[in-house]
Amino acid sequence: MVIDSFDFDTWAALAKSSPVEFEVRRNYYIERTISENNDTLRLRQLQWQIDNERKRARTAIKSYLKLSSMMWDSFIAFRDAMENPLSRPIQQAKIIQFRRKD
């Protein structure tokens, strides 16, 4: 199966007939996509977050709703940043003074 010619029906049939094989292939293509990218750390962190949200969801629909919400939140933040690049407040760190023990 070549991911370049993704066929939803083929993947759906595989998920029904062999869930284990589906997960093996899904993980393979996710890993391949991440490793072929220059920003592997960020993508691994995002995939970790996605995987954990999927595990926490009790049903497929809850998983879908959570991941869809994550996607829209990210899209809206991106859109807002593109429309108003200077509107984001600069966060300042609070500096804590430590006393030196002699």
Protein backbone atom coordinates (compact mmCIF):
# COMPACT_ATOMS: atom_id res chain seq x y z
CA MET A 1 0.00 0.00 0.00
CA VAL A 2 1.50 3.34 -1.06
CA ILE A 3 0.45 6.31 1.02
CA ASP A 4 0.96 8.66 -1.93
CA SER A 5 -2.26 7.23 -3.35
CA PHE A 6 -4.30 7.27 -0.14
CA ASP A 7 -7.62 5.46 -0.49
CA PHE A 8 -9.99 5.95 2.43
CA ASP A 9 -12.07 2.89 1.57
CA THR A 10 -8.98 0.65 1.57
CA TRP A 11 -7.86 1.97 4.96
CA ALA A 12 -11.39 1.67 6.39
CA ALA A 13 -11.65 -1.93 5.20
CA LEU A 14 -8.23 -2.72 6.71
CA ALA A 15 -9.28 -1.17 10.04
CA LYS A 16 -12.36 -3.42 10.11
CA SER A 17 -10.71 -6.61 8.91
CA SER A 18 -7.38 -6.32 10.72
CA PRO A 19 -7.13 -3.57 13.36
CA VAL A 20 -3.63 -4.68 14.35
CA GLU A 21 -2.34 -4.46 10.77
CA PHE A 22 -4.10 -1.10 10.40
CA GLU A 23 -2.23 0.26 13.45
CA VAL A 24 1.09 -1.15 12.23
CA ARG A 25 0.69 0.56 8.87
CA ARG A 26 -0.67 3.76 10.38
CA ASN A 27 2.31 4.00 12.73
CA TYR A 28 4.72 3.24 9.88
CA TYR A 29 3.40 6.08 7.72
CA ILE A 30 3.25 8.50 10.64
CA GLU A 31 6.86 7.71 11.55
CA ARG A 32 7.97 7.97 7.92
CA THR A 33 6.27 11.34 7.53
CA ILE A 34 7.81 12.69 10.73
CA SER A 35 11.30 11.42 9.95
CA GLU A 36 11.24 12.93 6.45
CA ASN A 37 10.51 16.37 7.89
CA ASN A 38 12.99 18.93 9.18
CA ASP A 39 10.97 19.71 12.31
CA THR A 40 10.92 16.20 13.77
CA LEU A 41 10.89 17.25 17.43
CA ARG A 42 7.78 19.43 17.06
CA LEU A 43 6.02 16.76 15.01
CA ARG A 44 6.87 14.02 17.52
CA GLN A 45 5.48 16.20 20.30
CA LEU A 46 2.31 16.82 18.32
CA GLN A 47 1.92 13.11 17.52
CA TRP A 48 2.44 12.29 21.19
CA GLN A 49 -0.35 14.72 22.07
CA ILE A 50 -2.63 13.24 19.39
CA ASP A 51 -1.94 9.66 20.51
CA ASN A 52 -2.66 10.53 24.13
CA GLU A 53 -5.91 12.29 23.29
CA ARG A 54 -6.96 9.22 21.31
CA LYS A 55 -6.14 6.96 24.27
CA ARG A 56 -8.05 9.16 26.73
CA ALA A 57 -11.17 9.29 24.58
CA ARG A 58 -13.62 6.54 25.44
CA THR A 59 -15.19 6.40 22.00
CA ALA A 60 -14.13 7.09 18.43
CA ILE A 61 -16.50 10.04 18.21
CA LYS A 62 -15.03 11.63 21.37
CA SER A 63 -11.57 11.15 19.91
CA TYR A 64 -12.67 12.76 16.65
CA LEU A 65 -14.29 15.72 18.45
CA LYS A 66 -11.20 16.36 20.59
CA LEU A 67 -8.78 16.12 17.66
CA SER A 68 -11.05 18.28 15.52
CA SER A 69 -11.16 20.86 18.29
CA MET A 70 -7.36 20.81 18.57
CA MET A 71 -7.07 21.34 14.82
CA TRP A 72 -9.48 24.28 14.81
CA ASP A 73 -7.77 25.88 17.82
CA SER A 74 -4.46 25.66 16.00
CA PHE A 75 -5.96 27.02 12.79
CA ILE A 76 -7.60 29.97 14.55
CA ALA A 77 -4.37 30.83 16.38
CA PHE A 78 -2.49 30.69 13.07
CA ARG A 79 -5.10 32.84 11.32
CA ASP A 80 -5.04 35.39 14.14
CA ALA A 81 -1.25 35.54 14.05
CA MET A 82 -1.30 36.06 10.28
CA GLU A 83 -3.95 38.77 10.43
CA ASN A 84 -2.44 40.63 13.40
CA PRO A 85 1.24 39.73 13.69
CA LEU A 86 1.99 42.54 16.17
CA SER A 87 -1.07 42.07 18.37
CA ARG A 88 0.32 39.25 20.48
CA PRO A 89 1.48 40.58 23.84
CA ILE A 90 5.08 39.99 24.71
CA GLN A 91 5.23 37.81 27.77
CA GLN A 92 7.63 38.86 30.44
CA ALA A 93 9.15 36.53 32.95
CA LYS A 94 9.05 37.30 36.63
CA ILE A 95 12.59 37.32 37.94
CA ILE A 96 13.01 35.72 41.34
CA GLN A 97 15.92 36.86 43.46
CA PHE A 98 17.83 34.14 45.25
CA ARG A 99 19.92 34.88 48.27
CA ARG A 100 23.41 33.57 48.17
CA LYS A 101 24.40 31.30 51.03
CA ASP A 102 27.97 31.77 52.14
